[in-house]
Amino acid sequence: MKPARILAIETSCDETACAVIENGRALLASTVASQMDVHARYGGVYPEVASRQHVLSIVPVVEQTLAQSSLTLKDMDVIAVTRGPGLAGSLVVGMNMAKGLALGTGLPIVGVNHLEGHVYSAWVYNAGESVSPEPQFPLMALIVSGGHTELNLMTDHLTYQRLGSTLDDFSLCPAAIGLDTGKQNVSVRRQRRIIVRTYVVRDLIDRGIQVWKLYTRQHVPGYSLRHMPALRIQPEKVVRIRIVELVHHAIR
């Protein structure tokens, strides 16, 4: 049977990415153009700058991914592209690239929900390596993605029960307490782990996020979303709520 191949394009925020997936799970090639250094000076993602960088990166990223896979557009069966949620100016770049490729090749195009893409990345494995077992239902899916950080209970494919989520994008709080948003001191992944420790589910969610914000306001003089004083506060002093305890609370 001929393998089914997907050319996937992602530009929802500050990374331009493209991948080739075979039979739904095998990753044949993947390219990511990061903008971390570009946005480091702003202490977070600058939407207009992100959009312009996507325009510069999208064609080379797609070309490199196809070259890496040793395939061409003629070998693809469908084009998938992130349709949201995300930054409007960033999403439109990926959508237009995908639409152009679909128009030029006659391939069908499928819009993919950004958050579902995060969830289903757990099913993907690198081609050539041993096939990893598929996640089994029911399962807990934790998505850590800026203003769309949430915890979901999945009982089957495409069947979700949201147990909790962030009320807004509070990713600026790490900058306020002195966590480096660039590469020099604290990595983005470490910052996200710190943010996840304030993650709360069900009736605790409002309280948990407000604890983080209240702590920031109380311990950072002059704190506001527009002006971030360059102070250093030890992350371990931040009020934390263990995610494991919260999961247990959610499923009791």
C-alpha atoms as a PDB file:
ATOM      1  CA  MET A   1       0.000   0.000   0.000  1.00  0.00           C
ATOM      2  CA  LYS A   2       1.304   3.454  -0.899  1.00  0.00           C
ATOM      3  CA  PRO A   3       2.254   5.417   2.229  1.00  0.00           C
ATOM      4  CA  ALA A   4       0.183   8.491   3.022  1.00  0.00           C
ATOM      5  CA  ARG A   5       2.366  11.572   3.430  1.00  0.00           C
ATOM      6  CA  ILE A   6       1.511  14.940   4.949  1.00  0.00           C
ATOM      7  CA  LEU A   7       3.391  18.199   4.484  1.00  0.00           C
ATOM      8  CA  ALA A   8       2.722  20.074   7.720  1.00  0.00           C
ATOM      9  CA  ILE A   9       3.285  23.818   8.203  1.00  0.00           C
ATOM     10  CA  GLU A  10       3.249  25.670  11.537  1.00  0.00           C
ATOM     11  CA  THR A  11       3.560  29.443  12.148  1.00  0.00           C
ATOM     12  CA  SER A  12       1.301  30.100  15.118  1.00  0.00           C
ATOM     13  CA  CYS A  13       3.756  32.141  17.169  1.00  0.00           C
ATOM     14  CA  ASP A  14       7.500  32.768  16.888  1.00  0.00           C
ATOM     15  CA  GLU A  15       8.800  29.605  15.212  1.00  0.00           C
ATOM     16  CA  THR A  16       8.525  28.783  11.523  1.00  0.00           C
ATOM     17  CA  ALA A  17       8.243  25.007  11.225  1.00  0.00           C
ATOM     18  CA  CYS A  18       7.594  22.379   8.594  1.00  0.00           C
ATOM     19  CA  ALA A  19       7.519  18.595   8.735  1.00  0.00           C
ATOM     20  CA  VAL A  20       6.788  15.569   6.590  1.00  0.00           C
ATOM     21  CA  ILE A  21       4.714  12.880   8.327  1.00  0.00           C
ATOM     22  CA  GLU A  22       4.121   9.407   6.910  1.00  0.00           C
ATOM     23  CA  ASN A  23       1.091   7.289   7.777  1.00  0.00           C
ATOM     24  CA  GLY A  24       0.067   9.643  10.543  1.00  0.00           C
ATOM     25  CA  ARG A  25       2.938   8.926  12.948  1.00  0.00           C
ATOM     26  CA  ALA A  26       6.357   8.555  11.324  1.00  0.00           C
ATOM     27  CA  LEU A  27       8.352  11.796  11.163  1.00  0.00           C
ATOM     28  CA  LEU A  28      10.417  11.754   7.974  1.00  0.00           C
ATOM     29  CA  ALA A  29      11.802  15.297   8.225  1.00  0.00           C
ATOM     30  CA  SER A  30      11.416  18.398  10.345  1.00  0.00           C
ATOM     31  CA  THR A  31      12.789  21.931  10.202  1.00  0.00           C
ATOM     32  CA  VAL A  32      12.317  24.698  12.773  1.00  0.00           C
ATOM     33  CA  ALA A  33      13.489  28.291  12.360  1.00  0.00           C
ATOM     34  CA  SER A  34      13.630  29.843  15.822  1.00  0.00           C
ATOM     35  CA  GLN A  35      13.176  33.547  16.527  1.00  0.00           C
ATOM     36  CA  MET A  36      14.339  33.386  20.137  1.00  0.00           C
ATOM     37  CA  ASP A  37      17.304  35.704  19.655  1.00  0.00           C
ATOM     38  CA  VAL A  38      15.190  38.203  17.721  1.00  0.00           C
ATOM     39  CA  HIS A  39      12.619  38.575  20.510  1.00  0.00           C
ATOM     40  CA  ALA A  40      14.996  38.353  23.490  1.00  0.00           C
ATOM     41  CA  ARG A  41      15.443  42.136  23.602  1.00  0.00           C
ATOM     42  CA  TYR A  42      11.687  42.612  24.077  1.00  0.00           C
ATOM     43  CA  GLY A  43      11.311  40.169  26.960  1.00  0.00           C
ATOM     44  CA  GLY A  44       8.688  38.247  24.988  1.00  0.00           C
ATOM     45  CA  VAL A  45       7.299  37.687  21.512  1.00  0.00           C
ATOM     46  CA  TYR A  46       6.728  40.883  19.508  1.00  0.00           C
ATOM     47  CA  PRO A  47       3.820  39.931  17.165  1.00  0.00           C
ATOM     48  CA  GLU A  48       4.655  42.217  14.234  1.00  0.00           C
ATOM     49  CA  VAL A  49       8.316  41.202  14.282  1.00  0.00           C
ATOM     50  CA  ALA A  50       7.300  37.535  14.449  1.00  0.00           C
ATOM     51  CA  SER A  51       5.111  37.912  11.375  1.00  0.00           C
ATOM     52  CA  ARG A  52       7.888  39.555   9.364  1.00  0.00           C
ATOM     53  CA  GLN A  53      10.349  36.832  10.346  1.00  0.00           C
ATOM     54  CA  HIS A  54       7.895  34.154   9.195  1.00  0.00           C
ATOM     55  CA  VAL A  55       7.719  35.834   5.785  1.00  0.00           C
ATOM     56  CA  LEU A  56      11.504  35.593   5.512  1.00  0.00           C
ATOM     57  CA  SER A  57      11.733  32.003   6.762  1.00  0.00           C
ATOM     58  CA  ILE A  58       8.725  30.126   5.413  1.00  0.00           C
ATOM     59  CA  VAL A  59       9.983  29.291   1.907  1.00  0.00           C
ATOM     60  CA  PRO A  60      13.500  28.173   2.980  1.00  0.00           C
ATOM     61  CA  VAL A  61      12.013  26.091   5.823  1.00  0.00           C
ATOM     62  CA  VAL A  62       9.626  24.235   3.500  1.00  0.00           C
ATOM     63  CA  GLU A  63      12.336  23.704   0.900  1.00  0.00           C
ATOM     64  CA  GLN A  64      14.790  22.398   3.497  1.00  0.00           C
ATOM     65  CA  THR A  65      12.207  19.994   4.923  1.00  0.00           C
ATOM     66  CA  LEU A  66      11.455  18.500   1.511  1.00  0.00           C
ATOM     67  CA  ALA A  67      15.166  18.185   0.758  1.00  0.00           C
ATOM     68  CA  GLN A  68      15.764  16.495   4.099  1.00  0.00           C
ATOM     69  CA  SER A  69      13.028  13.960   3.379  1.00  0.00           C
ATOM     70  CA  SER A  70      14.344  13.302  -0.168  1.00  0.00           C
ATOM     71  CA  LEU A  71      10.806  13.879  -1.406  1.00  0.00           C
ATOM     72  CA  THR A  72       9.007  16.498  -3.499  1.00  0.00           C
ATOM     73  CA  LEU A  73       5.565  18.052  -3.423  1.00  0.00           C
ATOM     74  CA  LYS A  74       4.479  15.394  -5.923  1.00  0.00           C
ATOM     75  CA  ASP A  75       5.037  12.775  -3.220  1.00  0.00           C
ATOM     76  CA  MET A  76       2.667  14.489  -0.784  1.00  0.00           C
ATOM     77  CA  ASP A  77      -0.980  13.537  -0.368  1.00  0.00           C
ATOM     78  CA  VAL A  78      -2.200  16.483   1.685  1.00  0.00           C
ATOM     79  CA  ILE A  79      -1.011  19.787   3.112  1.00  0.00           C
ATOM     80  CA  ALA A  80      -1.753  20.482   6.774  1.00  0.00           C
ATOM     81  CA  VAL A  81      -1.384  23.920   8.342  1.00  0.00           C
ATOM     82  CA  THR A  82      -2.001  25.452  11.751  1.00  0.00           C
ATOM     83  CA  ARG A  83      -5.167  27.563  11.526  1.00  0.00           C
ATOM     84  CA  GLY A  84      -5.252  28.778  15.145  1.00  0.00           C
ATOM     85  CA  PRO A  85      -5.280  29.723  17.900  1.00  0.00           C
ATOM     86  CA  GLY A  86      -2.187  31.917  17.671  1.00  0.00           C
ATOM     87  CA  LEU A  87      -0.915  35.298  16.567  1.00  0.00           C
ATOM     88  CA  ALA A  88      -3.010  36.487  13.620  1.00  0.00           C
ATOM     89  CA  GLY A  89      -0.061  37.991  11.779  1.00  0.00           C
ATOM     90  CA  SER A  90       1.930  34.791  12.184  1.00  0.00           C
ATOM     91  CA  LEU A  91      -0.881  32.397  11.291  1.00  0.00           C
ATOM     92  CA  VAL A  92      -1.647  34.199   8.035  1.00  0.00           C
ATOM     93  CA  VAL A  93       1.882  33.545   6.740  1.00  0.00           C
ATOM     94  CA  GLY A  94       1.599  29.799   7.177  1.00  0.00           C
ATOM     95  CA  MET A  95      -1.965  29.729   5.876  1.00  0.00           C
ATOM     96  CA  ASN A  96      -1.056  31.651   2.729  1.00  0.00           C
ATOM     97  CA  MET A  97       1.954  29.420   2.103  1.00  0.00           C
ATOM     98  CA  ALA A  98      -0.208  26.320   2.451  1.00  0.00           C
ATOM     99  CA  LYS A  99      -2.954  27.769   0.248  1.00  0.00           C
ATOM    100  CA  GLY A 100      -0.423  28.676  -2.410  1.00  0.00           C
ATOM    101  CA  LEU A 101       1.068  25.192  -2.416  1.00  0.00           C
ATOM    102  CA  ALA A 102      -2.396  23.629  -2.535  1.00  0.00           C
ATOM    103  CA  LEU A 103      -3.433  25.867  -5.417  1.00  0.00           C
ATOM    104  CA  GLY A 104      -0.264  25.118  -7.353  1.00  0.00           C
ATOM    105  CA  THR A 105      -0.254  21.361  -6.790  1.00  0.00           C
ATOM    106  CA  GLY A 106      -3.950  20.550  -6.538  1.00  0.00           C
ATOM    107  CA  LEU A 107      -3.380  18.901  -3.160  1.00  0.00           C
ATOM    108  CA  PRO A 108      -6.095  19.130  -0.513  1.00  0.00           C
ATOM    109  CA  ILE A 109      -5.451  21.417   2.448  1.00  0.00           C
ATOM    110  CA  VAL A 110      -6.424  20.713   6.060  1.00  0.00           C
ATOM    111  CA  GLY A 111      -6.490  23.326   8.818  1.00  0.00           C
ATOM    112  CA  VAL A 112      -5.243  21.990  12.145  1.00  0.00           C
ATOM    113  CA  ASN A 113      -6.043  23.297  15.605  1.00  0.00           C
ATOM    114  CA  HIS A 114      -2.823  24.477  17.249  1.00  0.00           C
ATOM    115  CA  LEU A 115      -3.626  22.866  20.608  1.00  0.00           C
ATOM    116  CA  GLU A 116      -4.621  19.543  19.079  1.00  0.00           C
ATOM    117  CA  GLY A 117      -1.302  19.584  17.256  1.00  0.00           C
ATOM    118  CA  HIS A 118       0.460  19.748  20.620  1.00  0.00           C
ATOM    119  CA  VAL A 119      -1.586  16.831  21.934  1.00  0.00           C
ATOM    120  CA  TYR A 120      -1.080  14.597  18.911  1.00  0.00           C
ATOM    121  CA  SER A 121       2.663  15.177  18.825  1.00  0.00           C
ATOM    122  CA  ALA A 122       2.697  12.456  21.491  1.00  0.00           C
ATOM    123  CA  TRP A 123       1.791   9.950  18.752  1.00  0.00           C
ATOM    124  CA  VAL A 124       4.731  10.911  16.509  1.00  0.00           C
ATOM    125  CA  TYR A 125       8.035   9.027  16.381  1.00  0.00           C
ATOM    126  CA  ASN A 126      11.166   9.493  14.291  1.00  0.00           C
ATOM    127  CA  ALA A 127      11.214   7.366  11.146  1.00  0.00           C
ATOM    128  CA  GLY A 128      13.943   4.737  11.262  1.00  0.00           C
ATOM    129  CA  GLU A 129      13.682   4.335  15.012  1.00  0.00           C
ATOM    130  CA  SER A 130      11.660   1.738  16.868  1.00  0.00           C
ATOM    131  CA  VAL A 131       7.926   2.407  16.685  1.00  0.00           C
ATOM    132  CA  SER A 132       6.757   3.796  19.993  1.00  0.00           C
ATOM    133  CA  PRO A 133       3.464   2.483  21.400  1.00  0.00           C
ATOM    134  CA  GLU A 134       0.468   4.724  20.918  1.00  0.00           C
ATOM    135  CA  PRO A 135      -0.802   6.553  24.005  1.00  0.00           C
ATOM    136  CA  GLN A 136      -3.719   4.701  25.541  1.00  0.00           C
ATOM    137  CA  PHE A 137      -7.009   6.218  26.638  1.00  0.00           C
ATOM    138  CA  PRO A 138      -8.072   7.596  29.003  1.00  0.00           C
ATOM    139  CA  LEU A 139      -5.144   9.980  29.415  1.00  0.00           C
ATOM    140  CA  MET A 140      -4.289  13.410  30.786  1.00  0.00           C
ATOM    141  CA  ALA A 141      -2.967  15.881  28.198  1.00  0.00           C
ATOM    142  CA  LEU A 142      -1.068  18.896  29.527  1.00  0.00           C
ATOM    143  CA  ILE A 143      -0.562  21.647  26.949  1.00  0.00           C
ATOM    144  CA  VAL A 144       1.955  24.360  27.881  1.00  0.00           C
ATOM    145  CA  SER A 145       1.551  27.055  25.240  1.00  0.00           C
ATOM    146  CA  GLY A 146       1.519  30.616  26.553  1.00  0.00           C
ATOM    147  CA  GLY A 147      -1.996  31.943  26.897  1.00  0.00           C
ATOM    148  CA  HIS A 148      -3.421  28.560  25.893  1.00  0.00           C
ATOM    149  CA  THR A 149      -1.904  26.476  28.671  1.00  0.00           C
ATOM    150  CA  GLU A 150      -4.464  23.878  29.739  1.00  0.00           C
ATOM    151  CA  LEU A 151      -5.040  20.426  31.167  1.00  0.00           C
ATOM    152  CA  ASN A 152      -7.411  18.039  29.367  1.00  0.00           C
ATOM    153  CA  LEU A 153      -8.819  14.605  30.028  1.00  0.00           C
ATOM    154  CA  MET A 154      -8.975  12.563  26.795  1.00  0.00           C
ATOM    155  CA  THR A 155     -11.262   9.544  26.749  1.00  0.00           C
ATOM    156  CA  ASP A 156     -10.877   8.918  23.001  1.00  0.00           C
ATOM    157  CA  HIS A 157      -9.503  10.562  19.859  1.00  0.00           C
ATOM    158  CA  LEU A 158     -10.711  14.158  19.522  1.00  0.00           C
ATOM    159  CA  THR A 159     -12.719  13.810  22.737  1.00  0.00           C
ATOM    160  CA  TYR A 160     -11.632  16.254  25.434  1.00  0.00           C
ATOM    161  CA  GLN A 161     -12.779  17.397  28.836  1.00  0.00           C
ATOM    162  CA  ARG A 162     -11.003  20.574  29.867  1.00  0.00           C
ATOM    163  CA  LEU A 163     -10.069  20.417  33.537  1.00  0.00           C
ATOM    164  CA  GLY A 164      -8.421  23.808  33.704  1.00  0.00           C
ATOM    165  CA  SER A 165      -6.681  26.493  31.701  1.00  0.00           C
ATOM    166  CA  THR A 166      -4.946  29.836  31.996  1.00  0.00           C
ATOM    167  CA  LEU A 167      -7.183  32.892  31.924  1.00  0.00           C
ATOM    168  CA  ASP A 168      -4.703  34.901  29.853  1.00  0.00           C
ATOM    169  CA  ASP A 169      -1.087  34.952  28.761  1.00  0.00           C
ATOM    170  CA  PHE A 170       0.863  35.530  31.969  1.00  0.00           C
ATOM    171  CA  SER A 171       4.184  34.626  30.336  1.00  0.00           C
ATOM    172  CA  LEU A 172       5.440  38.166  31.037  1.00  0.00           C
ATOM    173  CA  CYS A 173       5.624  37.447  34.771  1.00  0.00           C
ATOM    174  CA  PRO A 174       8.974  35.582  34.480  1.00  0.00           C
ATOM    175  CA  ALA A 175      10.545  38.694  32.957  1.00  0.00           C
ATOM    176  CA  ALA A 176       9.188  40.815  35.789  1.00  0.00           C
ATOM    177  CA  ILE A 177      10.918  38.723  38.451  1.00  0.00           C
ATOM    178  CA  GLY A 178      14.161  38.615  36.548  1.00  0.00           C
ATOM    179  CA  LEU A 179      14.044  35.366  34.587  1.00  0.00           C
ATOM    180  CA  ASP A 180      15.941  35.742  31.335  1.00  0.00           C
ATOM    181  CA  THR A 181      13.675  35.247  28.313  1.00  0.00           C
ATOM    182  CA  GLY A 182      16.659  34.637  26.043  1.00  0.00           C
ATOM    183  CA  LYS A 183      19.257  31.874  26.007  1.00  0.00           C
ATOM    184  CA  GLN A 184      21.820  33.349  28.376  1.00  0.00           C
ATOM    185  CA  ASN A 185      20.559  32.436  31.832  1.00  0.00           C
ATOM    186  CA  VAL A 186      17.240  30.607  31.992  1.00  0.00           C
ATOM    187  CA  SER A 187      15.944  28.601  29.058  1.00  0.00           C
ATOM    188  CA  VAL A 188      12.393  28.982  27.774  1.00  0.00           C
ATOM    189  CA  ARG A 189      11.694  25.375  28.757  1.00  0.00           C
ATOM    190  CA  ARG A 190      12.772  26.009  32.326  1.00  0.00           C
ATOM    191  CA  GLN A 191      10.590  29.084  32.489  1.00  0.00           C
ATOM    192  CA  ARG A 192       7.649  27.057  31.249  1.00  0.00           C
ATOM    193  CA  ARG A 193       8.256  24.463  33.944  1.00  0.00           C
ATOM    194  CA  ILE A 194       8.182  27.222  36.540  1.00  0.00           C
ATOM    195  CA  ILE A 195       4.925  28.556  35.080  1.00  0.00           C
ATOM    196  CA  VAL A 196       3.434  25.045  35.060  1.00  0.00           C
ATOM    197  CA  ARG A 197       4.065  24.825  38.806  1.00  0.00           C
ATOM    198  CA  THR A 198       1.464  27.556  39.225  1.00  0.00           C
ATOM    199  CA  TYR A 199      -0.979  25.677  37.019  1.00  0.00           C
ATOM    200  CA  VAL A 200      -4.275  24.961  38.708  1.00  0.00           C
ATOM    201  CA  VAL A 201      -7.335  22.920  37.739  1.00  0.00           C
ATOM    202  CA  ARG A 202     -11.078  23.287  38.233  1.00  0.00           C
ATOM    203  CA  ASP A 203     -12.027  25.506  41.180  1.00  0.00           C
ATOM    204  CA  LEU A 204      -8.347  26.172  42.003  1.00  0.00           C
ATOM    205  CA  ILE A 205      -7.393  27.687  38.653  1.00  0.00           C
ATOM    206  CA  ASP A 206      -8.327  31.307  39.356  1.00  0.00           C
ATOM    207  CA  ARG A 207      -6.625  31.187  42.722  1.00  0.00           C
ATOM    208  CA  GLY A 208      -3.403  29.687  41.365  1.00  0.00           C
ATOM    209  CA  ILE A 209      -2.910  32.172  38.547  1.00  0.00           C
ATOM    210  CA  GLN A 210      -3.831  35.082  40.778  1.00  0.00           C
ATOM    211  CA  VAL A 211      -1.263  33.876  43.341  1.00  0.00           C
ATOM    212  CA  TRP A 212       1.423  34.137  40.647  1.00  0.00           C
ATOM    213  CA  LYS A 213       0.303  37.599  39.588  1.00  0.00           C
ATOM    214  CA  LEU A 214      -0.167  38.804  43.169  1.00  0.00           C
ATOM    215  CA  TYR A 215       3.306  37.560  44.084  1.00  0.00           C
ATOM    216  CA  THR A 216       4.764  39.425  41.134  1.00  0.00           C
ATOM    217  CA  ARG A 217       2.994  42.667  42.022  1.00  0.00           C
ATOM    218  CA  GLN A 218       3.986  42.461  45.698  1.00  0.00           C
ATOM    219  CA  HIS A 219       7.635  41.617  45.152  1.00  0.00           C
ATOM    220  CA  VAL A 220       8.455  43.656  42.046  1.00  0.00           C
ATOM    221  CA  PRO A 221       8.199  47.416  42.706  1.00  0.00           C
ATOM    222  CA  GLY A 222       6.572  49.290  39.853  1.00  0.00           C
ATOM    223  CA  TYR A 223       5.506  46.061  38.132  1.00  0.00           C
ATOM    224  CA  SER A 224       3.234  46.464  35.135  1.00  0.00           C
ATOM    225  CA  LEU A 225       2.794  44.655  31.834  1.00  0.00           C
ATOM    226  CA  ARG A 226       4.324  47.632  30.022  1.00  0.00           C
ATOM    227  CA  HIS A 227       7.333  48.221  32.235  1.00  0.00           C
ATOM    228  CA  MET A 228       9.409  45.361  33.608  1.00  0.00           C
ATOM    229  CA  PRO A 229      12.103  46.337  36.137  1.00  0.00           C
ATOM    230  CA  ALA A 230      15.236  44.216  35.783  1.00  0.00           C
ATOM    231  CA  LEU A 231      15.181  42.705  39.271  1.00  0.00           C
ATOM    232  CA  ARG A 232      16.403  39.286  40.339  1.00  0.00           C
ATOM    233  CA  ILE A 233      14.275  37.160  42.642  1.00  0.00           C
ATOM    234  CA  GLN A 234      15.117  33.536  43.285  1.00  0.00           C
ATOM    235  CA  PRO A 235      12.571  31.381  41.414  1.00  0.00           C
ATOM    236  CA  GLU A 236      12.399  28.922  44.321  1.00  0.00           C
ATOM    237  CA  LYS A 237      10.775  31.644  46.419  1.00  0.00           C
ATOM    238  CA  VAL A 238       7.823  31.805  44.035  1.00  0.00           C
ATOM    239  CA  VAL A 239       4.675  30.233  45.429  1.00  0.00           C
ATOM    240  CA  ARG A 240       4.356  26.819  43.770  1.00  0.00           C
ATOM    241  CA  ILE A 241       1.573  24.265  43.574  1.00  0.00           C
ATOM    242  CA  ARG A 242       2.648  20.790  42.536  1.00  0.00           C
ATOM    243  CA  ILE A 243       1.025  19.655  39.307  1.00  0.00           C
ATOM    244  CA  VAL A 244       0.732  16.048  40.499  1.00  0.00           C
ATOM    245  CA  GLU A 245      -1.373  17.094  43.469  1.00  0.00           C
ATOM    246  CA  LEU A 246      -3.587  19.145  41.168  1.00  0.00           C
ATOM    247  CA  VAL A 247      -4.116  16.254  38.778  1.00  0.00           C
ATOM    248  CA  HIS A 248      -5.130  14.033  41.692  1.00  0.00           C
ATOM    249  CA  HIS A 249      -7.536  16.724  42.825  1.00  0.00           C
ATOM    250  CA  ALA A 250      -9.043  16.980  39.338  1.00  0.00           C
ATOM    251  CA  ILE A 251      -9.744  13.286  38.906  1.00  0.00           C
ATOM    252  CA  ARG A 252     -11.031  12.543  42.410  1.00  0.00           C
END
